[in-house]
Amino acid sequence: MKKLLNTLFITTPDSYLVLNGENIVVLKEEIALGRVPLHNIEAIVTTGYLGASPALMRKCAEKNISITFLTSTGRFGSRVIGGTSGNVFLRKTQYRISDDEVKSLAIARHFIVGKLYNQRWMLERVTRDNPMRVDVKRFKQIANELKAYTEDVRQASDLDSLRGIEGQAANRYFLLLDQMVLQQKSDFGFYGRNRRPPLDNVNALLSLAYTLLAQDCAAALETVGLDPYVGFMHQDRPGRISLALDLMEELRGIYADRFVLTLINKKIITAKDFIKKESGAVILTDDGRKKFFKSWQDKKQEQIKHPFLGEKINWGLVPYSQALLLSRYLRDDLDGYPPFLWK
């Protein structure tokens, strides 16, 4: 199993990253703010405006360290990676399946089955742990609806039908997210998903969590030799990591949504960690981003038992484990792709 290394998060505005020997140096107005060795870093995520030196980007590409540039709102900007690696036959198989709707549908169903299963688990867990604080009847009703949608997914006749079912199920699930916010209700009300830009505190957190999860999935797919830009459910679009978006579907609720709810319910993030801009966009402050990224890194280090592999791994290796299982399925080493079904 792959070793989980650290992700370096840079949140200082107007910072510039340079290479010094085998170290990353963070500069602001030519003053060194910090120095980090490259040897235990697997990725860099920066929200700075000035970027990174060509020498650092070249060194990171050589060492297979990705650099992801986010905007101040947490929106994905660009990503620098090294040369493409992996088995050419595996990628050719991936491309052939992507061009075949019947075969693509067979795989895509598993992504959405995993997503609905994990969302149902979340709803059932909330009603078990907080029966006096949520509408148990409503939670059970929508959990049953998600179960029914799961059967619809298995019977979906084409990708458009699958996407429609997934969209309907997502709308039902999000009706309950507000009730899962158990603390700081006045500052963290959730009235529906909005993005580009996010218009409230909860959506600002969700958007950033989804961005980071998508990049983790893209890196995992590249590691096992798959092309993150060629998906099975998400259609090809220039610049879109379609397969990474496919893979993250089953992890959205159980990984990203739960992470955001933990930040709110444990008061790790509070209302003072946000700024509302004149455009209406809500973004995290510098201190808010620092707390978010630290908690994200801590989450990735938590150990769990993988429900299919039966091995103890870190949460941060779950995207890699699923990418590995997908590659094994495409090589015919598995009869089907096993989604991540949390227990």
C-alpha atoms as a PDB file:
ATOM      1  CA  MET A   1       0.000   0.000   0.000  1.00  0.00           C
ATOM      2  CA  LYS A   2       1.210   3.490  -0.822  1.00  0.00           C
ATOM      3  CA  LYS A   3       2.746   5.518   2.005  1.00  0.00           C
ATOM      4  CA  LEU A   4       0.797   8.645   2.948  1.00  0.00           C
ATOM      5  CA  LEU A   5       3.064  11.690   2.924  1.00  0.00           C
ATOM      6  CA  ASN A   6       2.249  15.284   3.839  1.00  0.00           C
ATOM      7  CA  THR A   7       0.479  17.963   1.851  1.00  0.00           C
ATOM      8  CA  LEU A   8       1.946  21.442   2.316  1.00  0.00           C
ATOM      9  CA  PHE A   9      -0.747  24.150   2.447  1.00  0.00           C
ATOM     10  CA  ILE A  10       0.323  27.758   1.812  1.00  0.00           C
ATOM     11  CA  THR A  11      -2.282  30.317   2.925  1.00  0.00           C
ATOM     12  CA  THR A  12      -0.231  33.527   3.210  1.00  0.00           C
ATOM     13  CA  PRO A  13      -1.449  36.141   0.668  1.00  0.00           C
ATOM     14  CA  ASP A  14       1.106  37.480  -1.816  1.00  0.00           C
ATOM     15  CA  SER A  15       3.507  34.639  -1.052  1.00  0.00           C
ATOM     16  CA  TYR A  16       5.945  33.242  -3.605  1.00  0.00           C
ATOM     17  CA  LEU A  17       7.413  29.743  -3.494  1.00  0.00           C
ATOM     18  CA  VAL A  18      11.023  29.133  -4.471  1.00  0.00           C
ATOM     19  CA  LEU A  19      13.520  26.272  -4.430  1.00  0.00           C
ATOM     20  CA  ASN A  20      16.587  26.345  -2.232  1.00  0.00           C
ATOM     21  CA  GLY A  21      18.587  23.140  -2.403  1.00  0.00           C
ATOM     22  CA  GLU A  22      16.112  20.394  -1.522  1.00  0.00           C
ATOM     23  CA  ASN A  23      13.795  22.775   0.327  1.00  0.00           C
ATOM     24  CA  ILE A  24      10.696  24.816  -0.446  1.00  0.00           C
ATOM     25  CA  VAL A  25      11.072  28.391   0.782  1.00  0.00           C
ATOM     26  CA  VAL A  26       8.003  30.626   1.223  1.00  0.00           C
ATOM     27  CA  LEU A  27       8.778  34.272   0.481  1.00  0.00           C
ATOM     28  CA  LYS A  28       6.763  37.430   1.071  1.00  0.00           C
ATOM     29  CA  GLU A  29       8.306  40.661  -0.152  1.00  0.00           C
ATOM     30  CA  GLU A  30      11.623  38.788  -0.421  1.00  0.00           C
ATOM     31  CA  ILE A  31      11.510  37.818   3.262  1.00  0.00           C
ATOM     32  CA  ALA A  32      11.616  34.083   4.010  1.00  0.00           C
ATOM     33  CA  LEU A  33       8.593  33.058   6.071  1.00  0.00           C
ATOM     34  CA  GLY A  34       9.358  29.344   6.215  1.00  0.00           C
ATOM     35  CA  ARG A  35      11.397  26.480   4.823  1.00  0.00           C
ATOM     36  CA  VAL A  36      10.163  22.901   4.312  1.00  0.00           C
ATOM     37  CA  PRO A  37      12.181  19.876   3.076  1.00  0.00           C
ATOM     38  CA  LEU A  38      10.855  18.273  -0.093  1.00  0.00           C
ATOM     39  CA  HIS A  39      11.595  14.685   0.899  1.00  0.00           C
ATOM     40  CA  ASN A  40       8.392  14.090   2.912  1.00  0.00           C
ATOM     41  CA  ILE A  41       6.008  16.159   0.757  1.00  0.00           C
ATOM     42  CA  GLU A  42       3.649  14.597  -1.801  1.00  0.00           C
ATOM     43  CA  ALA A  43       1.636  17.695  -2.747  1.00  0.00           C
ATOM     44  CA  ILE A  44       1.551  21.471  -2.372  1.00  0.00           C
ATOM     45  CA  VAL A  45      -1.652  23.517  -2.264  1.00  0.00           C
ATOM     46  CA  THR A  46      -1.359  27.294  -2.338  1.00  0.00           C
ATOM     47  CA  THR A  47      -3.858  30.151  -2.236  1.00  0.00           C
ATOM     48  CA  GLY A  48      -1.144  32.760  -2.836  1.00  0.00           C
ATOM     49  CA  TYR A  49      -1.415  35.104  -5.794  1.00  0.00           C
ATOM     50  CA  LEU A  50       2.202  35.222  -6.967  1.00  0.00           C
ATOM     51  CA  GLY A  51       2.807  31.532  -7.692  1.00  0.00           C
ATOM     52  CA  ALA A  52       6.013  29.516  -7.704  1.00  0.00           C
ATOM     53  CA  SER A  53       9.410  29.707  -9.355  1.00  0.00           C
ATOM     54  CA  PRO A  54      10.125  27.661 -12.515  1.00  0.00           C
ATOM     55  CA  ALA A  55      12.966  25.907 -10.675  1.00  0.00           C
ATOM     56  CA  LEU A  56      10.622  24.741  -7.917  1.00  0.00           C
ATOM     57  CA  MET A  57       7.978  23.580 -10.394  1.00  0.00           C
ATOM     58  CA  ARG A  58      10.614  21.629 -12.343  1.00  0.00           C
ATOM     59  CA  LYS A  59      11.967  19.982  -9.182  1.00  0.00           C
ATOM     60  CA  CYS A  60       8.463  19.076  -8.010  1.00  0.00           C
ATOM     61  CA  ALA A  61       7.659  17.584 -11.412  1.00  0.00           C
ATOM     62  CA  GLU A  62      10.814  15.460 -11.196  1.00  0.00           C
ATOM     63  CA  LYS A  63       9.843  14.221  -7.725  1.00  0.00           C
ATOM     64  CA  ASN A  64       6.177  13.678  -8.667  1.00  0.00           C
ATOM     65  CA  ILE A  65       5.009  16.383  -6.237  1.00  0.00           C
ATOM     66  CA  SER A  66       1.902  18.140  -7.529  1.00  0.00           C
ATOM     67  CA  ILE A  67       1.363  21.885  -7.027  1.00  0.00           C
ATOM     68  CA  THR A  68      -2.266  23.027  -6.943  1.00  0.00           C
ATOM     69  CA  PHE A  69      -3.133  26.718  -7.181  1.00  0.00           C
ATOM     70  CA  LEU A  70      -6.450  27.792  -5.621  1.00  0.00           C
ATOM     71  CA  THR A  71      -8.104  31.190  -5.685  1.00  0.00           C
ATOM     72  CA  SER A  72      -8.827  33.065  -2.446  1.00  0.00           C
ATOM     73  CA  THR A  73     -12.373  31.634  -2.580  1.00  0.00           C
ATOM     74  CA  GLY A  74     -10.996  28.089  -2.683  1.00  0.00           C
ATOM     75  CA  ARG A  75     -11.847  27.583  -6.336  1.00  0.00           C
ATOM     76  CA  PHE A  76      -9.463  25.468  -8.400  1.00  0.00           C
ATOM     77  CA  GLY A  77      -7.123  27.481 -10.582  1.00  0.00           C
ATOM     78  CA  SER A  78      -4.475  25.178 -12.033  1.00  0.00           C
ATOM     79  CA  ARG A  79      -2.320  22.186 -11.227  1.00  0.00           C
ATOM     80  CA  VAL A  80       1.301  21.439 -12.082  1.00  0.00           C
ATOM     81  CA  ILE A  81       2.309  17.765 -12.318  1.00  0.00           C
ATOM     82  CA  GLY A  82       5.152  15.750 -13.799  1.00  0.00           C
ATOM     83  CA  GLY A  83       5.164  13.570 -16.861  1.00  0.00           C
ATOM     84  CA  THR A  84       2.428  11.025 -17.499  1.00  0.00           C
ATOM     85  CA  SER A  85       3.244   7.568 -16.198  1.00  0.00           C
ATOM     86  CA  GLY A  86       1.489   4.233 -16.078  1.00  0.00           C
ATOM     87  CA  ASN A  87       0.754   1.229 -18.209  1.00  0.00           C
ATOM     88  CA  VAL A  88      -0.249   2.326 -21.712  1.00  0.00           C
ATOM     89  CA  PHE A  89      -2.504  -0.742 -22.066  1.00  0.00           C
ATOM     90  CA  LEU A  90      -4.408   0.251 -18.916  1.00  0.00           C
ATOM     91  CA  ARG A  91      -5.062   3.731 -20.284  1.00  0.00           C
ATOM     92  CA  LYS A  92      -6.082   2.394 -23.684  1.00  0.00           C
ATOM     93  CA  THR A  93      -8.592   0.155 -21.911  1.00  0.00           C
ATOM     94  CA  GLN A  94      -9.869   3.178 -19.982  1.00  0.00           C
ATOM     95  CA  TYR A  95     -10.309   5.176 -23.202  1.00  0.00           C
ATOM     96  CA  ARG A  96     -12.130   2.349 -24.958  1.00  0.00           C
ATOM     97  CA  ILE A  97     -14.574   1.941 -22.068  1.00  0.00           C
ATOM     98  CA  SER A  98     -15.124   5.706 -21.875  1.00  0.00           C
ATOM     99  CA  ASP A  99     -16.228   5.637 -25.539  1.00  0.00           C
ATOM    100  CA  ASP A 100     -18.649   2.753 -24.856  1.00  0.00           C
ATOM    101  CA  GLU A 101     -21.759   3.974 -23.011  1.00  0.00           C
ATOM    102  CA  VAL A 102     -22.864   0.494 -21.947  1.00  0.00           C
ATOM    103  CA  LYS A 103     -19.507  -0.300 -20.333  1.00  0.00           C
ATOM    104  CA  SER A 104     -19.208   3.203 -18.860  1.00  0.00           C
ATOM    105  CA  LEU A 105     -22.676   2.864 -17.335  1.00  0.00           C
ATOM    106  CA  ALA A 106     -21.723  -0.437 -15.678  1.00  0.00           C
ATOM    107  CA  ILE A 107     -18.878   1.306 -13.827  1.00  0.00           C
ATOM    108  CA  ALA A 108     -20.673   4.594 -13.163  1.00  0.00           C
ATOM    109  CA  ARG A 109     -23.520   2.754 -11.413  1.00  0.00           C
ATOM    110  CA  HIS A 110     -21.048   1.588  -8.754  1.00  0.00           C
ATOM    111  CA  PHE A 111     -19.866   5.140  -8.034  1.00  0.00           C
ATOM    112  CA  ILE A 112     -23.433   6.301  -7.377  1.00  0.00           C
ATOM    113  CA  VAL A 113     -24.446   3.179  -5.447  1.00  0.00           C
ATOM    114  CA  GLY A 114     -21.509   3.912  -3.143  1.00  0.00           C
ATOM    115  CA  LYS A 115     -22.519   7.553  -2.810  1.00  0.00           C
ATOM    116  CA  LEU A 116     -26.132   6.773  -1.874  1.00  0.00           C
ATOM    117  CA  TYR A 117     -25.121   3.994   0.504  1.00  0.00           C
ATOM    118  CA  ASN A 118     -22.776   6.326   2.388  1.00  0.00           C
ATOM    119  CA  GLN A 119     -25.304   9.149   2.522  1.00  0.00           C
ATOM    120  CA  ARG A 120     -27.883   6.744   3.963  1.00  0.00           C
ATOM    121  CA  TRP A 121     -25.334   5.680   6.581  1.00  0.00           C
ATOM    122  CA  MET A 122     -24.826   9.320   7.535  1.00  0.00           C
ATOM    123  CA  LEU A 123     -28.558   9.931   7.962  1.00  0.00           C
ATOM    124  CA  GLU A 124     -28.996   6.775  10.016  1.00  0.00           C
ATOM    125  CA  ARG A 125     -26.002   7.676  12.197  1.00  0.00           C
ATOM    126  CA  VAL A 126     -27.430  11.143  12.935  1.00  0.00           C
ATOM    127  CA  THR A 127     -30.805   9.756  13.975  1.00  0.00           C
ATOM    128  CA  ARG A 128     -29.105   7.197  16.208  1.00  0.00           C
ATOM    129  CA  ASP A 129     -26.779   9.692  17.892  1.00  0.00           C
ATOM    130  CA  ASN A 130     -29.102  12.718  18.072  1.00  0.00           C
ATOM    131  CA  PRO A 131     -32.720  11.488  18.154  1.00  0.00           C
ATOM    132  CA  MET A 132     -33.887  14.465  20.237  1.00  0.00           C
ATOM    133  CA  ARG A 133     -32.257  17.095  18.016  1.00  0.00           C
ATOM    134  CA  VAL A 134     -33.400  16.108  14.523  1.00  0.00           C
ATOM    135  CA  ASP A 135     -36.656  15.143  12.834  1.00  0.00           C
ATOM    136  CA  VAL A 136     -36.190  11.363  13.016  1.00  0.00           C
ATOM    137  CA  LYS A 137     -39.279  10.627  10.933  1.00  0.00           C
ATOM    138  CA  ARG A 138     -38.058  12.915   8.150  1.00  0.00           C
ATOM    139  CA  PHE A 139     -34.563  11.418   8.238  1.00  0.00           C
ATOM    140  CA  LYS A 140     -35.918   7.884   8.003  1.00  0.00           C
ATOM    141  CA  GLN A 141     -38.194   8.885   5.145  1.00  0.00           C
ATOM    142  CA  ILE A 142     -35.372  10.313   3.046  1.00  0.00           C
ATOM    143  CA  ALA A 143     -33.049   7.431   3.988  1.00  0.00           C
ATOM    144  CA  ASN A 144     -35.689   5.079   2.572  1.00  0.00           C
ATOM    145  CA  GLU A 145     -35.930   7.241  -0.538  1.00  0.00           C
ATOM    146  CA  LEU A 146     -32.176   6.985  -1.026  1.00  0.00           C
ATOM    147  CA  LYS A 147     -32.490   3.206  -0.729  1.00  0.00           C
ATOM    148  CA  ALA A 148     -35.135   3.257  -3.455  1.00  0.00           C
ATOM    149  CA  TYR A 149     -32.945   5.494  -5.621  1.00  0.00           C
ATOM    150  CA  THR A 150     -30.162   2.928  -5.209  1.00  0.00           C
ATOM    151  CA  GLU A 151     -32.374   0.328  -6.870  1.00  0.00           C
ATOM    152  CA  ASP A 152     -33.192   2.832  -9.618  1.00  0.00           C
ATOM    153  CA  VAL A 153     -29.457   3.347 -10.165  1.00  0.00           C
ATOM    154  CA  ARG A 154     -28.944  -0.382 -10.627  1.00  0.00           C
ATOM    155  CA  GLN A 155     -31.708  -0.402 -13.252  1.00  0.00           C
ATOM    156  CA  ALA A 156     -30.653   2.799 -15.076  1.00  0.00           C
ATOM    157  CA  SER A 157     -30.658   2.165 -18.823  1.00  0.00           C
ATOM    158  CA  ASP A 158     -28.283   4.950 -19.880  1.00  0.00           C
ATOM    159  CA  LEU A 159     -25.960   7.589 -18.484  1.00  0.00           C
ATOM    160  CA  ASP A 160     -28.484  10.420 -18.786  1.00  0.00           C
ATOM    161  CA  SER A 161     -30.957   8.438 -16.662  1.00  0.00           C
ATOM    162  CA  LEU A 162     -28.229   7.726 -14.121  1.00  0.00           C
ATOM    163  CA  ARG A 163     -27.308  11.402 -13.880  1.00  0.00           C
ATOM    164  CA  GLY A 164     -30.964  12.293 -13.426  1.00  0.00           C
ATOM    165  CA  ILE A 165     -31.410   9.804 -10.596  1.00  0.00           C
ATOM    166  CA  GLU A 166     -28.226  11.007  -8.919  1.00  0.00           C
ATOM    167  CA  GLY A 167     -29.405  14.622  -9.133  1.00  0.00           C
ATOM    168  CA  GLN A 168     -32.801  13.822  -7.612  1.00  0.00           C
ATOM    169  CA  ALA A 169     -31.198  11.857  -4.788  1.00  0.00           C
ATOM    170  CA  ALA A 170     -28.723  14.690  -4.086  1.00  0.00           C
ATOM    171  CA  ASN A 171     -31.575  17.175  -3.800  1.00  0.00           C
ATOM    172  CA  ARG A 172     -33.328  14.980  -1.228  1.00  0.00           C
ATOM    173  CA  TYR A 173     -30.159  14.435   0.795  1.00  0.00           C
ATOM    174  CA  PHE A 174     -29.319  18.139   0.915  1.00  0.00           C
ATOM    175  CA  LEU A 175     -32.756  18.862   2.398  1.00  0.00           C
ATOM    176  CA  LEU A 176     -31.425  17.381   5.654  1.00  0.00           C
ATOM    177  CA  LEU A 177     -27.940  18.879   5.746  1.00  0.00           C
ATOM    178  CA  ASP A 178     -29.169  21.910   7.683  1.00  0.00           C
ATOM    179  CA  GLN A 179     -30.468  19.646  10.470  1.00  0.00           C
ATOM    180  CA  MET A 180     -27.061  17.942  10.651  1.00  0.00           C
ATOM    181  CA  VAL A 181     -25.605  21.305  11.689  1.00  0.00           C
ATOM    182  CA  LEU A 182     -26.046  20.899  15.453  1.00  0.00           C
ATOM    183  CA  GLN A 183     -24.028  23.893  16.670  1.00  0.00           C
ATOM    184  CA  GLN A 184     -23.728  27.554  15.634  1.00  0.00           C
ATOM    185  CA  LYS A 185     -27.084  27.358  13.840  1.00  0.00           C
ATOM    186  CA  SER A 186     -27.482  31.108  13.440  1.00  0.00           C
ATOM    187  CA  ASP A 187     -24.175  31.402  11.557  1.00  0.00           C
ATOM    188  CA  PHE A 188     -24.264  28.165   9.594  1.00  0.00           C
ATOM    189  CA  GLY A 189     -27.712  27.825   8.091  1.00  0.00           C
ATOM    190  CA  PHE A 190     -27.860  25.721   4.927  1.00  0.00           C
ATOM    191  CA  TYR A 191     -30.653  26.439   2.456  1.00  0.00           C
ATOM    192  CA  GLY A 192     -29.348  24.674  -0.631  1.00  0.00           C
ATOM    193  CA  ARG A 193     -26.190  24.160  -2.604  1.00  0.00           C
ATOM    194  CA  ASN A 194     -24.680  27.191  -4.322  1.00  0.00           C
ATOM    195  CA  ARG A 195     -21.208  27.705  -5.774  1.00  0.00           C
ATOM    196  CA  ARG A 196     -19.049  29.832  -8.073  1.00  0.00           C
ATOM    197  CA  PRO A 197     -19.079  31.753  -5.845  1.00  0.00           C
ATOM    198  CA  PRO A 198     -20.426  30.221  -2.607  1.00  0.00           C
ATOM    199  CA  LEU A 199     -22.895  32.603  -0.969  1.00  0.00           C
ATOM    200  CA  ASP A 200     -22.904  31.391   2.644  1.00  0.00           C
ATOM    201  CA  ASN A 201     -20.560  29.915   5.220  1.00  0.00           C
ATOM    202  CA  VAL A 202     -21.578  26.262   4.754  1.00  0.00           C
ATOM    203  CA  ASN A 203     -21.278  26.374   0.974  1.00  0.00           C
ATOM    204  CA  ALA A 204     -17.881  28.057   1.250  1.00  0.00           C
ATOM    205  CA  LEU A 205     -16.657  25.120   3.347  1.00  0.00           C
ATOM    206  CA  LEU A 206     -18.264  22.499   1.101  1.00  0.00           C
ATOM    207  CA  SER A 207     -16.773  24.002  -2.059  1.00  0.00           C
ATOM    208  CA  LEU A 208     -13.266  24.018  -0.627  1.00  0.00           C
ATOM    209  CA  ALA A 209     -13.598  20.455   0.708  1.00  0.00           C
ATOM    210  CA  TYR A 210     -14.864  19.209  -2.676  1.00  0.00           C
ATOM    211  CA  THR A 211     -11.998  20.973  -4.467  1.00  0.00           C
ATOM    212  CA  LEU A 212      -9.382  19.338  -2.249  1.00  0.00           C
ATOM    213  CA  LEU A 213     -11.040  15.914  -2.500  1.00  0.00           C
ATOM    214  CA  ALA A 214     -11.152  16.162  -6.305  1.00  0.00           C
ATOM    215  CA  GLN A 215      -7.450  16.972  -6.436  1.00  0.00           C
ATOM    216  CA  ASP A 216      -6.650  14.067  -4.093  1.00  0.00           C
ATOM    217  CA  CYS A 217      -8.633  11.743  -6.362  1.00  0.00           C
ATOM    218  CA  ALA A 218      -6.848  13.064  -9.463  1.00  0.00           C
ATOM    219  CA  ALA A 219      -3.455  12.464  -7.858  1.00  0.00           C
ATOM    220  CA  ALA A 220      -4.499   8.949  -6.811  1.00  0.00           C
ATOM    221  CA  LEU A 221      -5.628   8.070 -10.348  1.00  0.00           C
ATOM    222  CA  GLU A 222      -2.367   9.305 -11.830  1.00  0.00           C
ATOM    223  CA  THR A 223      -0.429   7.271  -9.266  1.00  0.00           C
ATOM    224  CA  VAL A 224      -2.034   3.995 -10.396  1.00  0.00           C
ATOM    225  CA  GLY A 225      -1.629   4.868 -14.082  1.00  0.00           C
ATOM    226  CA  LEU A 226      -5.113   6.097 -15.013  1.00  0.00           C
ATOM    227  CA  ASP A 227      -5.987   9.333 -16.805  1.00  0.00           C
ATOM    228  CA  PRO A 228      -7.985  11.569 -14.410  1.00  0.00           C
ATOM    229  CA  TYR A 229      -9.402  13.591 -17.318  1.00  0.00           C
ATOM    230  CA  VAL A 230     -11.267  10.727 -19.023  1.00  0.00           C
ATOM    231  CA  GLY A 231     -14.339   9.709 -17.057  1.00  0.00           C
ATOM    232  CA  PHE A 232     -17.211   7.288 -17.306  1.00  0.00           C
ATOM    233  CA  MET A 233     -20.130   9.254 -15.832  1.00  0.00           C
ATOM    234  CA  HIS A 234     -18.855  12.821 -16.133  1.00  0.00           C
ATOM    235  CA  GLN A 235     -18.534  13.778 -19.767  1.00  0.00           C
ATOM    236  CA  ASP A 236     -15.258  14.894 -21.300  1.00  0.00           C
ATOM    237  CA  ARG A 237     -14.673  18.619 -21.076  1.00  0.00           C
ATOM    238  CA  PRO A 238     -11.359  20.436 -21.682  1.00  0.00           C
ATOM    239  CA  GLY A 239      -9.569  20.939 -18.385  1.00  0.00           C
ATOM    240  CA  ARG A 240     -12.039  18.914 -16.301  1.00  0.00           C
ATOM    241  CA  ILE A 241     -10.757  15.960 -14.266  1.00  0.00           C
ATOM    242  CA  SER A 242     -13.794  13.878 -15.160  1.00  0.00           C
ATOM    243  CA  LEU A 243     -12.644  10.518 -13.780  1.00  0.00           C
ATOM    244  CA  ALA A 244     -11.565  12.182 -10.522  1.00  0.00           C
ATOM    245  CA  LEU A 245     -15.078  13.646 -10.237  1.00  0.00           C
ATOM    246  CA  ASP A 246     -16.490  10.163 -10.874  1.00  0.00           C
ATOM    247  CA  LEU A 247     -14.307   8.610  -8.201  1.00  0.00           C
ATOM    248  CA  MET A 248     -15.059  11.256  -5.567  1.00  0.00           C
ATOM    249  CA  GLU A 249     -18.844  10.786  -5.833  1.00  0.00           C
ATOM    250  CA  GLU A 250     -18.881   7.915  -3.343  1.00  0.00           C
ATOM    251  CA  LEU A 251     -16.708   9.973  -0.952  1.00  0.00           C
ATOM    252  CA  ARG A 252     -18.534  13.321  -1.084  1.00  0.00           C
ATOM    253  CA  GLY A 253     -20.827  12.679   1.859  1.00  0.00           C
ATOM    254  CA  ILE A 254     -18.807  10.308   3.996  1.00  0.00           C
ATOM    255  CA  TYR A 255     -15.550  12.238   3.613  1.00  0.00           C
ATOM    256  CA  ALA A 256     -16.142  15.878   2.624  1.00  0.00           C
ATOM    257  CA  ASP A 257     -19.604  16.585   4.092  1.00  0.00           C
ATOM    258  CA  ARG A 258     -18.796  14.884   7.397  1.00  0.00           C
ATOM    259  CA  PHE A 259     -15.546  16.838   7.559  1.00  0.00           C
ATOM    260  CA  VAL A 260     -17.382  20.148   7.100  1.00  0.00           C
ATOM    261  CA  LEU A 261     -20.018  19.214   9.689  1.00  0.00           C
ATOM    262  CA  THR A 262     -17.249  18.349  12.163  1.00  0.00           C
ATOM    263  CA  LEU A 263     -15.618  21.757  11.645  1.00  0.00           C
ATOM    264  CA  ILE A 264     -18.919  23.447  12.439  1.00  0.00           C
ATOM    265  CA  ASN A 265     -20.239  21.208  15.205  1.00  0.00           C
ATOM    266  CA  LYS A 266     -16.932  21.139  17.082  1.00  0.00           C
ATOM    267  CA  LYS A 267     -16.580  24.916  16.599  1.00  0.00           C
ATOM    268  CA  ILE A 268     -13.202  24.545  14.919  1.00  0.00           C
ATOM    269  CA  ILE A 269     -14.458  27.091  12.372  1.00  0.00           C
ATOM    270  CA  THR A 270     -16.686  29.974  13.528  1.00  0.00           C
ATOM    271  CA  ALA A 271     -18.409  32.945  11.916  1.00  0.00           C
ATOM    272  CA  LYS A 272     -15.351  35.151  12.473  1.00  0.00           C
ATOM    273  CA  ASP A 273     -13.419  32.959  10.020  1.00  0.00           C
ATOM    274  CA  PHE A 274     -15.383  34.271   7.012  1.00  0.00           C
ATOM    275  CA  ILE A 275     -15.513  37.420   4.914  1.00  0.00           C
ATOM    276  CA  LYS A 276     -18.432  38.441   2.696  1.00  0.00           C
ATOM    277  CA  LYS A 277     -17.308  40.344  -0.382  1.00  0.00           C
ATOM    278  CA  GLU A 278     -19.247  43.049  -2.232  1.00  0.00           C
ATOM    279  CA  SER A 279     -20.123  40.521  -4.936  1.00  0.00           C
ATOM    280  CA  GLY A 280     -21.894  38.378  -2.329  1.00  0.00           C
ATOM    281  CA  ALA A 281     -19.184  35.718  -2.333  1.00  0.00           C
ATOM    282  CA  VAL A 282     -18.298  34.266   1.065  1.00  0.00           C
ATOM    283  CA  ILE A 283     -14.678  33.248   1.607  1.00  0.00           C
ATOM    284  CA  LEU A 284     -12.553  32.063   4.496  1.00  0.00           C
ATOM    285  CA  THR A 285     -10.134  34.490   6.123  1.00  0.00           C
ATOM    286  CA  ASP A 286      -6.432  33.681   6.166  1.00  0.00           C
ATOM    287  CA  ASP A 287      -6.771  32.287   9.699  1.00  0.00           C
ATOM    288  CA  GLY A 288      -9.873  30.357   8.654  1.00  0.00           C
ATOM    289  CA  ARG A 289      -8.032  28.709   5.767  1.00  0.00           C
ATOM    290  CA  LYS A 290      -5.167  27.773   8.073  1.00  0.00           C
ATOM    291  CA  LYS A 291      -7.570  26.042  10.459  1.00  0.00           C
ATOM    292  CA  PHE A 292      -9.376  24.358   7.559  1.00  0.00           C
ATOM    293  CA  PHE A 293      -6.193  23.004   5.973  1.00  0.00           C
ATOM    294  CA  LYS A 294      -4.738  21.843   9.295  1.00  0.00           C
ATOM    295  CA  SER A 295      -7.947  19.951  10.076  1.00  0.00           C
ATOM    296  CA  TRP A 296      -7.990  18.469   6.548  1.00  0.00           C
ATOM    297  CA  GLN A 297      -4.446  17.194   6.990  1.00  0.00           C
ATOM    298  CA  ASP A 298      -5.314  15.789  10.436  1.00  0.00           C
ATOM    299  CA  LYS A 299      -8.353  14.039   8.940  1.00  0.00           C
ATOM    300  CA  LYS A 300      -6.192  12.391   6.292  1.00  0.00           C
ATOM    301  CA  GLN A 301      -3.975  10.917   9.024  1.00  0.00           C
ATOM    302  CA  GLU A 302      -6.856   9.205  10.879  1.00  0.00           C
ATOM    303  CA  GLN A 303      -6.707   5.417  10.601  1.00  0.00           C
ATOM    304  CA  ILE A 304      -9.640   3.286   9.479  1.00  0.00           C
ATOM    305  CA  LYS A 305     -10.233  -0.264   8.271  1.00  0.00           C
ATOM    306  CA  HIS A 306     -11.004  -0.376   4.557  1.00  0.00           C
ATOM    307  CA  PRO A 307     -14.383  -2.139   4.173  1.00  0.00           C
ATOM    308  CA  PHE A 308     -13.359  -4.125   1.077  1.00  0.00           C
ATOM    309  CA  LEU A 309      -9.610  -4.613   1.445  1.00  0.00           C
ATOM    310  CA  GLY A 310      -9.852  -5.324   5.167  1.00  0.00           C
ATOM    311  CA  GLU A 311      -6.595  -3.420   5.746  1.00  0.00           C
ATOM    312  CA  LYS A 312      -5.955  -0.578   8.168  1.00  0.00           C
ATOM    313  CA  ILE A 313      -5.166   2.566   6.203  1.00  0.00           C
ATOM    314  CA  ASN A 314      -5.287   6.333   6.685  1.00  0.00           C
ATOM    315  CA  TRP A 315      -8.363   8.231   5.499  1.00  0.00           C
ATOM    316  CA  GLY A 316      -6.050  10.095   3.148  1.00  0.00           C
ATOM    317  CA  LEU A 317      -5.291   6.847   1.306  1.00  0.00           C
ATOM    318  CA  VAL A 318      -8.945   6.055   0.577  1.00  0.00           C
ATOM    319  CA  PRO A 319      -8.883   7.821  -2.844  1.00  0.00           C
ATOM    320  CA  TYR A 320      -5.724   5.867  -3.683  1.00  0.00           C
ATOM    321  CA  SER A 321      -7.243   2.547  -2.574  1.00  0.00           C
ATOM    322  CA  GLN A 322     -10.320   3.155  -4.735  1.00  0.00           C
ATOM    323  CA  ALA A 323      -8.198   4.203  -7.711  1.00  0.00           C
ATOM    324  CA  LEU A 324      -6.179   1.008  -7.244  1.00  0.00           C
ATOM    325  CA  LEU A 325      -9.340  -1.126  -7.158  1.00  0.00           C
ATOM    326  CA  LEU A 326     -10.624   0.602 -10.286  1.00  0.00           C
ATOM    327  CA  SER A 327      -7.364  -0.110 -12.110  1.00  0.00           C
ATOM    328  CA  ARG A 328      -7.534  -3.764 -11.035  1.00  0.00           C
ATOM    329  CA  TYR A 329     -11.063  -4.019 -12.392  1.00  0.00           C
ATOM    330  CA  LEU A 330     -10.010  -2.499 -15.728  1.00  0.00           C
ATOM    331  CA  ARG A 331      -7.201  -5.078 -15.895  1.00  0.00           C
ATOM    332  CA  ASP A 332      -9.780  -7.863 -15.306  1.00  0.00           C
ATOM    333  CA  ASP A 333      -8.226  -8.724 -11.944  1.00  0.00           C
ATOM    334  CA  LEU A 334     -11.619  -8.114 -10.296  1.00  0.00           C
ATOM    335  CA  ASP A 335     -15.099  -9.102 -11.474  1.00  0.00           C
ATOM    336  CA  GLY A 336     -16.471  -5.658 -10.655  1.00  0.00           C
ATOM    337  CA  TYR A 337     -15.430  -2.328  -9.190  1.00  0.00           C
ATOM    338  CA  PRO A 338     -16.117  -2.355  -5.417  1.00  0.00           C
ATOM    339  CA  PRO A 339     -17.223   1.113  -4.240  1.00  0.00           C
ATOM    340  CA  PHE A 340     -16.219   2.407  -0.809  1.00  0.00           C
ATOM    341  CA  LEU A 341     -19.151   1.381   1.402  1.00  0.00           C
ATOM    342  CA  TRP A 342     -18.545   2.811   4.868  1.00  0.00           C
ATOM    343  CA  LYS A 343     -19.752   0.758   7.856  1.00  0.00           C
END
